[in-house]
Amino acid sequence: MQNFSIILKSQLEGAMRIDAEYYHSEFLKMADKLSSLKSKLLSEVAIIRSGVTPAERDDEQKDGVILLKTTDIRNSILLEKNIYYFISHEIDKKMKQTRLISGDTLVNIVGATLDVIGRTAFVPSDFPEANITQAMALVRSIDSSFLPEYIFVFLASKIGRSQSDRIARPTGQYNLNLAELGSFKIPLMEIKKQQEIKKIIDNFYFELNNSQNKYLDAEDILLEALGLENFNNEERLSSIINLSEIEIAGRMDAEYFQPKYEIIEDRVAKYNVQKLGDLVLMKKGIEVGAEEYQEEGKVFIRVSSMTKFGIVESDQKCLSEKLYEKLKADFQPNKGEILLTKDATPGVAYALKENIEGIVSGGTLRLQMKDKKVEAEYLALCLNSVIGQMQAERDAGGSVIAHWKPAQIKNVLIPILPIETQKKISELVIAAHEARKKSKELLEEAKRKVEEMIEKGGGEK
């Protein structure tokens, strides 16, 4: 496998960059391909602006104008009902130059890892008022020959990402400046072909939104059945507890004794309740050490890879075939198991729909069902809902990096609803995952079409 490139001194582009990574053979090959096509600079077809991170913001604010962060940018379309930070309308007025509108594409330009740089998000027509920090840029088409959807898909494609991967500079953090982003080449393409891309993206958004709505419907059934549909998880400034409660808990920090946690337990306790440890067998993952990470190989499922909709591919680390073979008997998850995070972002659960050739990290537990009266999808939803989240938040709080101990996890209270209700909830969750899978396939189809058009010599005659 080639791991070096031979270049002429004249190719050093005025010695602006002389690092070997910049002249990687794959980057040079892609640059040659772009140079052979009719294209424009991104700065010629779009407004490009970065935001600011307001010093006066309140990270506990629950409404107002959404302030997007790099973690919200996931090579996808933004969805209204995700969890976001907010700023006041007064602060937003000071940031009016970066107030988002329908059709904007967002690009991460600052990040701790190279994978974060260049990640994109598309702003749909029904997205609420929102703004951005200085760690990302908005790209707003001003050229009618470049549809916003085409710009989004191109930047998310391997050809678009090759430009960000090449130019991003590791200066403490990886970063791009606006001029560098504006220097990206974007091939001209016939409007008819761009409209085909737009149609796919419209369908992608429909399936993605459908997925979220079905999952929320399932969660609503659960909460309504438990009388928690209007649950308020706001923290109170004070509460009164007995010394005996402190002794039982082994903790005396005020956060642990917030009344909201007691409310959840009291509501759940009115129903048939079992402890999680009585419903599942728990197996902990393993830490292999960063020196074992590879860019290709078998998947290493870390906490950062986990979402309630499955295992994300961004910033994915892999292990060698040899190490995988050594560990798979004890640490490979199987279809039907639930993966549950216990560190950093504790309480994220996902029921596996298929076997995975990979290894689970030490920050994640494998839950194997041992009670046939409980549906795995129902249990995962309970853990992801306010029921599981409040218990995880209470137990894992009180430290800089959250750690949810297995002994605490075994004591998580799970309400056991009638099997008919469980099945109804499970069916909705499965439908949500199917729609999410379909949406992912559509986005990949859109990227593939753009890449194929470019590989065949561009789209405009």
Protein backbone atom coordinates (compact mmCIF):
# COMPACT_ATOMS: atom_id res chain seq x y z
CA MET A 1 0.00 0.00 0.00
CA GLN A 2 1.44 3.37 -1.04
CA ASN A 3 2.18 5.64 1.92
CA PHE A 4 4.19 8.37 0.21
CA SER A 5 3.89 10.86 -2.65
CA ILE A 6 6.55 12.36 -4.90
CA ILE A 7 5.92 16.00 -5.79
CA LEU A 8 7.84 18.77 -7.51
CA LYS A 9 9.04 21.83 -5.68
CA SER A 10 6.74 23.88 -7.93
CA GLN A 11 3.80 21.96 -6.49
CA LEU A 12 4.40 23.28 -2.98
CA GLU A 13 2.03 26.15 -3.78
CA GLY A 14 4.36 28.93 -2.70
CA ALA A 15 5.41 26.94 0.38
CA MET A 16 2.10 27.81 2.08
CA ARG A 17 1.93 24.15 3.13
CA ILE A 18 4.83 21.73 3.27
CA ASP A 19 3.42 19.10 5.64
CA ALA A 20 3.29 15.60 4.18
CA GLU A 21 -0.40 15.09 5.02
CA TYR A 22 -1.39 17.91 2.68
CA TYR A 23 0.23 16.08 -0.24
CA HIS A 24 -1.22 12.66 0.47
CA SER A 25 -1.74 10.74 -2.77
CA GLU A 26 -5.52 10.50 -2.30
CA PHE A 27 -5.80 14.26 -1.85
CA LEU A 28 -3.67 14.90 -4.93
CA LYS A 29 -5.78 12.49 -6.97
CA MET A 30 -9.00 14.21 -5.90
CA ALA A 31 -7.53 17.66 -6.54
CA ASP A 32 -6.56 16.60 -10.06
CA LYS A 33 -10.10 15.33 -10.67
CA LEU A 34 -11.62 18.65 -9.53
CA SER A 35 -9.15 20.62 -11.64
CA SER A 36 -10.25 18.72 -14.74
CA LEU A 37 -13.90 19.75 -14.28
CA LYS A 38 -15.80 22.96 -14.86
CA SER A 39 -16.22 24.33 -11.38
CA LYS A 40 -16.52 27.45 -9.27
CA LEU A 41 -15.13 28.42 -5.92
CA LEU A 42 -17.58 28.05 -3.06
CA SER A 43 -17.05 31.74 -2.26
CA GLU A 44 -18.31 32.60 -5.76
CA VAL A 45 -21.63 30.81 -5.37
CA ALA A 46 -22.43 31.30 -1.69
CA ILE A 47 -22.29 33.66 1.27
CA ILE A 48 -19.96 32.18 3.89
CA ARG A 49 -20.08 33.43 7.49
CA SER A 50 -19.09 32.11 10.90
CA GLY A 51 -20.92 32.84 14.12
CA VAL A 52 -19.86 33.79 17.65
CA THR A 53 -20.25 32.14 21.02
CA PRO A 54 -21.95 34.79 23.19
CA ALA A 55 -20.30 35.18 26.59
CA GLU A 56 -23.61 36.10 28.23
CA ARG A 57 -25.44 32.93 27.21
CA ASP A 58 -27.09 30.70 29.81
CA ASP A 59 -26.54 27.00 29.05
CA GLU A 60 -29.54 26.15 31.28
CA GLN A 61 -31.96 28.27 29.21
CA LYS A 62 -34.90 26.15 28.01
CA ASP A 63 -36.36 28.30 25.21
CA GLY A 64 -35.66 31.21 22.90
CA VAL A 65 -33.46 30.95 19.79
CA ILE A 66 -31.56 27.70 19.17
CA LEU A 67 -27.78 28.05 19.35
CA LEU A 68 -26.28 25.23 17.32
CA LYS A 69 -22.98 23.65 18.31
CA THR A 70 -20.57 21.34 16.49
CA THR A 71 -22.16 18.30 18.16
CA ASP A 72 -25.44 19.14 16.38
CA ILE A 73 -23.78 18.97 12.96
CA ARG A 74 -23.92 15.32 11.88
CA ASN A 75 -23.98 15.18 8.05
CA SER A 76 -27.76 15.26 8.18
CA ILE A 77 -30.79 17.54 8.15
CA LEU A 78 -31.56 19.41 11.37
CA LEU A 79 -34.69 18.22 13.17
CA GLU A 80 -36.82 20.54 15.27
CA LYS A 81 -37.40 18.20 18.23
CA ASN A 82 -33.78 17.37 19.01
CA ILE A 83 -32.24 18.69 22.22
CA TYR A 84 -30.50 22.03 21.71
CA TYR A 85 -29.01 24.94 23.66
CA PHE A 86 -30.83 28.28 23.52
CA ILE A 87 -30.04 31.98 23.62
CA SER A 88 -32.38 34.90 24.19
CA HIS A 89 -33.91 36.90 21.34
CA GLU A 90 -31.91 39.90 22.57
CA ILE A 91 -28.61 38.05 22.08
CA ASP A 92 -29.81 36.70 18.74
CA LYS A 93 -30.42 40.27 17.50
CA LYS A 94 -26.73 40.99 18.05
CA MET A 95 -25.92 37.96 15.87
CA LYS A 96 -28.32 38.73 13.02
CA GLN A 97 -25.65 38.17 10.33
CA THR A 98 -25.64 34.46 11.12
CA ARG A 99 -29.33 33.92 11.79
CA LEU A 100 -30.20 30.81 9.79
CA ILE A 101 -32.69 30.57 6.96
CA SER A 102 -34.13 27.64 5.01
CA GLY A 103 -31.60 26.09 2.63
CA ASP A 104 -28.47 27.04 4.56
CA THR A 105 -25.75 24.42 4.84
CA LEU A 106 -23.69 24.44 8.02
CA VAL A 107 -20.07 23.29 8.07
CA ASN A 108 -17.94 22.65 11.16
CA ILE A 109 -14.71 24.63 10.92
CA VAL A 110 -13.26 23.99 14.41
CA GLY A 111 -12.98 20.67 16.21
CA ALA A 112 -10.83 18.51 18.45
CA THR A 113 -10.53 15.79 15.80
CA LEU A 114 -10.25 15.86 12.02
CA ASP A 115 -13.55 13.99 11.71
CA VAL A 116 -15.42 16.94 13.25
CA ILE A 117 -14.07 19.35 10.64
CA GLY A 118 -16.14 19.44 7.46
CA ARG A 119 -19.22 17.77 8.95
CA THR A 120 -22.35 19.33 7.49
CA ALA A 121 -26.01 19.93 8.32
CA PHE A 122 -28.87 21.21 6.18
CA VAL A 123 -31.49 23.68 7.45
CA PRO A 124 -35.03 22.64 6.40
CA SER A 125 -37.90 25.05 5.79
CA ASP A 126 -39.68 24.24 9.08
CA PHE A 127 -36.68 24.55 11.41
CA PRO A 128 -37.19 27.04 14.29
CA GLU A 129 -35.22 30.26 14.79
CA ALA A 130 -31.54 29.39 15.14
CA ASN A 131 -28.03 30.78 15.15
CA ILE A 132 -24.48 29.39 15.20
CA THR A 133 -21.23 29.61 17.15
CA GLN A 134 -17.80 30.54 15.78
CA ALA A 135 -16.94 26.84 15.44
CA MET A 136 -19.06 26.53 12.31
CA ALA A 137 -19.87 28.43 9.13
CA LEU A 138 -23.10 28.90 7.24
CA VAL A 139 -22.99 28.46 3.47
CA ARG A 140 -25.91 30.22 1.74
CA SER A 141 -26.35 29.83 -2.01
CA ILE A 142 -26.58 33.10 -3.95
CA ASP A 143 -26.18 31.55 -7.40
CA SER A 144 -29.37 30.12 -8.93
CA SER A 145 -27.30 27.57 -10.85
CA PHE A 146 -26.36 25.89 -7.55
CA LEU A 147 -29.30 24.46 -5.61
CA PRO A 148 -28.85 24.48 -1.80
CA GLU A 149 -29.45 20.71 -1.64
CA TYR A 150 -26.69 20.10 -4.17
CA ILE A 151 -24.24 22.22 -2.17
CA PHE A 152 -25.13 20.28 1.00
CA VAL A 153 -24.73 16.85 -0.60
CA PHE A 154 -21.50 17.82 -2.38
CA LEU A 155 -19.90 19.07 0.84
CA ALA A 156 -21.02 15.87 2.63
CA SER A 157 -19.69 13.63 -0.16
CA LYS A 158 -16.24 12.07 -0.16
CA ILE A 159 -15.13 14.64 -2.76
CA GLY A 160 -16.28 17.56 -0.62
CA ARG A 161 -14.85 16.03 2.53
CA SER A 162 -11.50 15.43 0.83
CA GLN A 163 -11.08 19.20 0.54
CA SER A 164 -11.81 19.84 4.23
CA ASP A 165 -9.64 16.89 5.32
CA ARG A 166 -6.78 18.20 3.22
CA ILE A 167 -6.93 21.86 4.19
CA ALA A 168 -7.79 21.53 7.91
CA ARG A 169 -4.83 22.62 10.03
CA PRO A 170 -3.96 20.88 13.35
CA THR A 171 -3.10 23.95 15.44
CA GLY A 172 -4.07 22.80 18.91
CA GLN A 173 -7.46 22.02 17.42
CA TYR A 174 -8.19 21.26 13.79
CA ASN A 175 -9.60 24.26 11.98
CA LEU A 176 -10.48 25.90 8.70
CA ASN A 177 -10.86 29.63 8.20
CA LEU A 178 -13.57 31.14 6.03
CA ALA A 179 -11.18 31.94 3.17
CA GLU A 180 -10.06 28.32 3.09
CA LEU A 181 -13.65 27.10 3.07
CA GLY A 182 -14.40 29.56 0.29
CA SER A 183 -11.53 28.10 -1.75
CA PHE A 184 -13.32 24.75 -2.08
CA LYS A 185 -14.08 23.88 -5.68
CA ILE A 186 -17.65 22.83 -6.46
CA PRO A 187 -18.29 21.37 -9.93
CA LEU A 188 -20.96 22.83 -12.16
CA MET A 189 -23.88 20.48 -12.71
CA GLU A 190 -26.99 20.63 -14.84
CA ILE A 191 -30.02 21.90 -12.93
CA LYS A 192 -31.99 18.85 -14.01
CA LYS A 193 -29.47 16.61 -12.27
CA GLN A 194 -29.41 18.87 -9.22
CA GLN A 195 -33.19 18.60 -9.03
CA GLU A 196 -32.82 14.81 -8.89
CA ILE A 197 -30.57 15.30 -5.88
CA LYS A 198 -33.10 17.68 -4.33
CA LYS A 199 -35.88 15.11 -4.70
CA ILE A 200 -33.80 12.49 -2.89
CA ILE A 201 -33.02 14.94 -0.09
CA ASP A 202 -36.72 15.80 0.25
CA ASN A 203 -37.47 12.08 0.67
CA PHE A 204 -34.54 11.75 3.07
CA TYR A 205 -35.98 14.48 5.26
CA PHE A 206 -39.45 12.91 5.15
CA GLU A 207 -38.13 9.57 6.40
CA LEU A 208 -35.91 11.20 9.02
CA ASN A 209 -38.79 13.26 10.36
CA ASN A 210 -41.07 10.23 10.22
CA SER A 211 -38.56 8.28 12.28
CA GLN A 212 -38.42 10.91 14.99
CA ASN A 213 -42.22 11.26 15.13
CA LYS A 214 -42.76 7.51 15.52
CA TYR A 215 -40.21 7.35 18.31
CA LEU A 216 -41.86 10.28 20.09
CA ASP A 217 -45.26 8.59 19.66
CA ALA A 218 -43.88 5.48 21.37
CA GLU A 219 -42.48 7.58 24.19
CA ASP A 220 -45.81 9.42 24.57
CA ILE A 221 -47.67 6.10 25.01
CA LEU A 222 -45.24 5.12 27.77
CA LEU A 223 -45.45 8.42 29.63
CA GLU A 224 -49.22 8.71 29.32
CA ALA A 225 -49.62 5.19 30.70
CA LEU A 226 -47.55 6.24 33.73
CA GLY A 227 -49.16 9.67 34.16
CA LEU A 228 -45.89 11.41 33.31
CA GLU A 229 -46.90 13.18 30.09
CA ASN A 230 -46.67 16.60 31.78
CA PHE A 231 -43.65 15.83 33.95
CA ASN A 232 -41.62 18.94 34.83
CA ASN A 233 -37.93 18.21 35.36
CA GLU A 234 -37.05 21.73 36.47
CA GLU A 235 -34.71 21.87 39.47
CA ARG A 236 -35.84 23.55 42.68
CA LEU A 237 -33.70 25.90 44.75
CA SER A 238 -34.36 24.03 47.98
CA SER A 239 -35.79 20.82 49.43
CA ILE A 240 -36.01 19.25 52.89
CA ILE A 241 -34.66 15.74 53.54
CA ASN A 242 -34.02 13.58 56.57
CA LEU A 243 -30.59 12.57 57.82
CA SER A 244 -31.62 8.94 57.38
CA GLU A 245 -32.04 9.54 53.63
CA ILE A 246 -28.47 10.83 53.41
CA GLU A 247 -27.19 7.77 55.24
CA ILE A 248 -29.08 5.40 52.94
CA ALA A 249 -27.92 7.17 49.78
CA GLY A 250 -24.34 7.58 50.93
CA ARG A 251 -24.44 11.07 49.42
CA MET A 252 -25.23 14.52 50.65
CA ASP A 253 -24.92 16.73 47.54
CA ALA A 254 -28.03 18.80 46.89
CA GLU A 255 -28.34 17.66 43.27
CA TYR A 256 -28.94 14.05 44.32
CA PHE A 257 -31.96 15.04 46.42
CA GLN A 258 -33.74 17.16 43.83
CA PRO A 259 -37.52 16.50 44.20
CA LYS A 260 -37.83 15.64 40.49
CA TYR A 261 -36.07 12.33 41.09
CA GLU A 262 -38.42 11.40 43.91
CA ILE A 263 -41.43 12.32 41.77
CA ILE A 264 -40.28 9.91 39.05
CA GLU A 265 -39.76 7.07 41.52
CA ASP A 266 -43.14 7.69 43.21
CA ARG A 267 -45.01 7.69 39.87
CA VAL A 268 -43.25 4.57 38.61
CA ALA A 269 -43.71 2.75 41.92
CA LYS A 270 -47.52 2.88 41.50
CA TYR A 271 -47.22 0.30 38.74
CA ASN A 272 -45.75 -3.18 38.46
CA VAL A 273 -42.05 -2.36 38.88
CA GLN A 274 -38.91 -4.45 38.67
CA LYS A 275 -35.26 -3.62 39.07
CA LEU A 276 -33.23 -3.69 35.88
CA GLY A 277 -30.86 -6.26 37.39
CA ASP A 278 -33.78 -8.70 37.69
CA LEU A 279 -34.66 -8.31 34.01
CA VAL A 280 -31.24 -8.58 32.36
CA LEU A 281 -27.77 -10.02 32.65
CA MET A 282 -25.07 -7.34 32.45
CA LYS A 283 -21.71 -7.68 30.78
CA LYS A 284 -19.16 -4.88 30.74
CA GLY A 285 -17.10 -3.97 27.69
CA ILE A 286 -13.31 -3.59 27.55
CA GLU A 287 -10.82 -0.78 27.06
CA VAL A 288 -8.12 -1.70 24.55
CA GLY A 289 -6.10 1.54 24.61
CA ALA A 290 -5.89 4.23 21.95
CA GLU A 291 -2.73 2.66 20.53
CA GLU A 292 -4.91 -0.18 19.20
CA TYR A 293 -7.19 2.14 17.19
CA GLN A 294 -7.19 1.78 13.41
CA GLU A 295 -9.02 3.57 10.63
CA GLU A 296 -10.19 0.25 9.14
CA GLY A 297 -11.02 -3.14 10.59
CA LYS A 298 -13.64 -4.33 13.07
CA VAL A 299 -15.81 -1.73 14.82
CA PHE A 300 -14.87 -0.61 18.33
CA ILE A 301 -18.13 0.61 19.87
CA ARG A 302 -17.32 3.57 22.11
CA VAL A 303 -19.69 5.73 24.13
CA SER A 304 -19.33 8.53 21.57
CA SER A 305 -20.60 6.13 18.88
CA MET A 306 -23.83 5.38 20.71
CA THR A 307 -27.26 6.96 20.12
CA LYS A 308 -30.76 5.71 20.85
CA PHE A 309 -31.11 5.18 17.09
CA GLY A 310 -28.00 3.04 16.78
CA ILE A 311 -24.25 3.24 16.30
CA VAL A 312 -23.08 6.27 14.35
CA GLU A 313 -20.24 6.06 11.87
CA SER A 314 -18.66 9.48 12.45
CA ASP A 315 -15.29 9.37 14.22
CA GLN A 316 -15.57 5.59 14.29
CA LYS A 317 -12.51 3.68 15.51
CA CYS A 318 -11.66 0.15 14.47
CA LEU A 319 -9.58 -2.75 15.74
CA SER A 320 -7.36 -5.20 13.91
CA GLU A 321 -8.70 -8.57 12.84
CA LYS A 322 -6.23 -10.26 15.21
CA LEU A 323 -7.38 -8.31 18.29
CA TYR A 324 -11.03 -8.76 17.32
CA GLU A 325 -10.62 -12.55 17.10
CA LYS A 326 -9.01 -12.53 20.54
CA LEU A 327 -11.80 -10.51 22.18
CA LYS A 328 -15.00 -11.41 20.31
CA ALA A 329 -16.00 -14.39 22.47
CA ASP A 330 -16.36 -12.14 25.53
CA PHE A 331 -17.00 -8.67 24.16
CA GLN A 332 -18.92 -8.93 20.87
CA PRO A 333 -22.61 -7.93 21.18
CA ASN A 334 -25.36 -10.00 19.59
CA LYS A 335 -28.77 -9.33 18.07
CA GLY A 336 -31.42 -8.85 20.77
CA GLU A 337 -29.02 -7.40 23.33
CA ILE A 338 -29.31 -3.82 24.58
CA LEU A 339 -26.21 -1.64 24.63
CA LEU A 340 -26.29 0.87 27.50
CA THR A 341 -23.74 3.64 28.10
CA LYS A 342 -22.53 4.06 31.67
CA ASP A 343 -19.78 6.70 31.33
CA ALA A 344 -19.53 10.27 29.98
CA THR A 345 -23.11 10.31 28.61
CA PRO A 346 -24.75 7.62 30.76
CA GLY A 347 -28.15 6.19 29.98
CA VAL A 348 -28.11 5.93 26.16
CA ALA A 349 -29.70 2.60 25.20
CA TYR A 350 -30.08 0.79 21.89
CA ALA A 351 -31.54 -2.67 21.22
CA LEU A 352 -29.48 -4.36 18.52
CA LYS A 353 -31.43 -5.34 15.40
CA GLU A 354 -28.63 -7.47 13.98
CA ASN A 355 -25.33 -9.01 14.94
CA ILE A 356 -22.33 -6.70 14.80
CA GLU A 357 -18.76 -7.71 14.05
CA GLY A 358 -17.23 -5.48 16.66
CA ILE A 359 -16.16 -5.05 20.27
CA VAL A 360 -17.90 -3.06 23.02
CA SER A 361 -15.78 -0.52 24.93
CA GLY A 362 -15.52 -0.35 28.71
CA GLY A 363 -17.90 2.60 28.93
CA THR A 364 -20.80 0.50 27.64
CA LEU A 365 -22.75 -2.43 29.10
CA ARG A 366 -24.33 -5.31 27.20
CA LEU A 367 -27.76 -6.15 28.61
CA GLN A 368 -29.00 -9.65 27.80
CA MET A 369 -32.71 -10.21 28.35
CA LYS A 370 -33.60 -12.92 30.85
CA ASP A 371 -37.29 -12.10 31.37
CA LYS A 372 -39.43 -13.00 28.35
CA LYS A 373 -42.30 -10.91 29.69
CA VAL A 374 -40.42 -7.73 28.82
CA GLU A 375 -39.81 -6.59 25.22
CA ALA A 376 -36.23 -5.48 24.52
CA GLU A 377 -37.38 -2.45 22.49
CA TYR A 378 -39.74 -1.45 25.30
CA LEU A 379 -36.96 -1.73 27.88
CA ALA A 380 -34.57 0.35 25.74
CA LEU A 381 -37.24 3.03 25.37
CA CYS A 382 -37.79 3.11 29.13
CA LEU A 383 -34.06 3.68 29.64
CA ASN A 384 -33.95 6.44 27.02
CA SER A 385 -37.09 8.14 28.36
CA VAL A 386 -37.31 10.54 31.28
CA ILE A 387 -37.78 7.46 33.52
CA GLY A 388 -34.31 6.10 32.84
CA GLN A 389 -32.66 9.46 32.25
CA MET A 390 -33.67 10.89 35.61
CA GLN A 391 -32.32 7.84 37.43
CA ALA A 392 -29.06 7.97 35.45
CA GLU A 393 -28.71 11.72 36.04
CA ARG A 394 -29.23 11.33 39.79
CA ASP A 395 -26.87 8.37 40.23
CA ALA A 396 -24.08 9.52 37.90
CA GLY A 397 -24.01 13.16 38.98
CA GLY A 398 -21.59 14.78 41.40
CA SER A 399 -18.38 14.40 39.34
CA VAL A 400 -16.70 16.17 36.42
CA ILE A 401 -17.03 13.11 34.18
CA ALA A 402 -20.23 11.16 34.78
CA HIS A 403 -19.87 7.51 35.76
CA TRP A 404 -22.91 5.29 36.29
CA LYS A 405 -21.88 2.33 38.40
CA PRO A 406 -23.16 -1.14 37.43
CA ALA A 407 -24.42 -1.60 41.00
CA GLN A 408 -26.55 1.52 40.58
CA ILE A 409 -27.72 0.45 37.13
CA LYS A 410 -28.96 -2.87 38.51
CA ASN A 411 -31.26 -0.92 40.86
CA VAL A 412 -32.88 1.19 38.11
CA LEU A 413 -36.65 0.90 38.43
CA ILE A 414 -38.47 -0.28 35.29
CA PRO A 415 -42.30 -0.11 35.08
CA ILE A 416 -43.73 -3.27 33.55
CA LEU A 417 -46.77 -2.31 31.49
CA PRO A 418 -49.19 -4.90 30.02
CA ILE A 419 -47.62 -6.92 27.21
CA GLU A 420 -50.11 -5.49 24.68
CA THR A 421 -48.91 -1.97 25.50
CA GLN A 422 -45.28 -3.08 25.36
CA LYS A 423 -45.81 -4.58 21.91
CA LYS A 424 -47.51 -1.42 20.64
CA ILE A 425 -44.57 0.64 21.88
CA SER A 426 -42.05 -1.83 20.43
CA GLU A 427 -43.74 -1.77 17.01
CA LEU A 428 -43.51 2.01 16.89
CA VAL A 429 -39.86 1.95 17.94
CA ILE A 430 -39.03 -0.64 15.27
CA ALA A 431 -40.90 1.44 12.65
CA ALA A 432 -38.89 4.49 13.78
CA HIS A 433 -35.64 2.60 13.29
CA GLU A 434 -36.74 1.35 9.86
CA ALA A 435 -37.53 4.90 8.76
CA ARG A 436 -34.16 6.07 10.11
CA LYS A 437 -32.44 3.28 8.17
CA LYS A 438 -34.31 4.29 5.00
CA SER A 439 -33.33 7.94 5.47
CA LYS A 440 -29.67 6.96 5.80
CA GLU A 441 -29.90 4.93 2.59
CA LEU A 442 -31.40 7.92 0.77
CA LEU A 443 -28.62 10.25 1.89
CA GLU A 444 -26.02 7.73 0.78
CA GLU A 445 -27.83 7.46 -2.56
CA ALA A 446 -27.69 11.24 -3.00
CA LYS A 447 -23.97 11.35 -2.22
CA ARG A 448 -23.31 8.42 -4.52
CA LYS A 449 -25.15 10.11 -7.39
CA VAL A 450 -23.13 13.30 -6.96
CA GLU A 451 -19.88 11.35 -6.78
CA GLU A 452 -20.76 9.29 -9.86
CA MET A 453 -21.70 12.38 -11.87
CA ILE A 454 -18.40 13.98 -10.97
CA GLU A 455 -16.40 10.82 -11.65
CA LYS A 456 -17.97 10.66 -15.10
CA GLY A 457 -16.69 14.13 -15.86
CA GLY A 458 -19.08 16.54 -14.22
CA GLY A 459 -22.69 17.29 -14.83
CA GLU A 460 -22.82 20.42 -17.00
CA LYS A 461 -22.40 20.11 -20.75
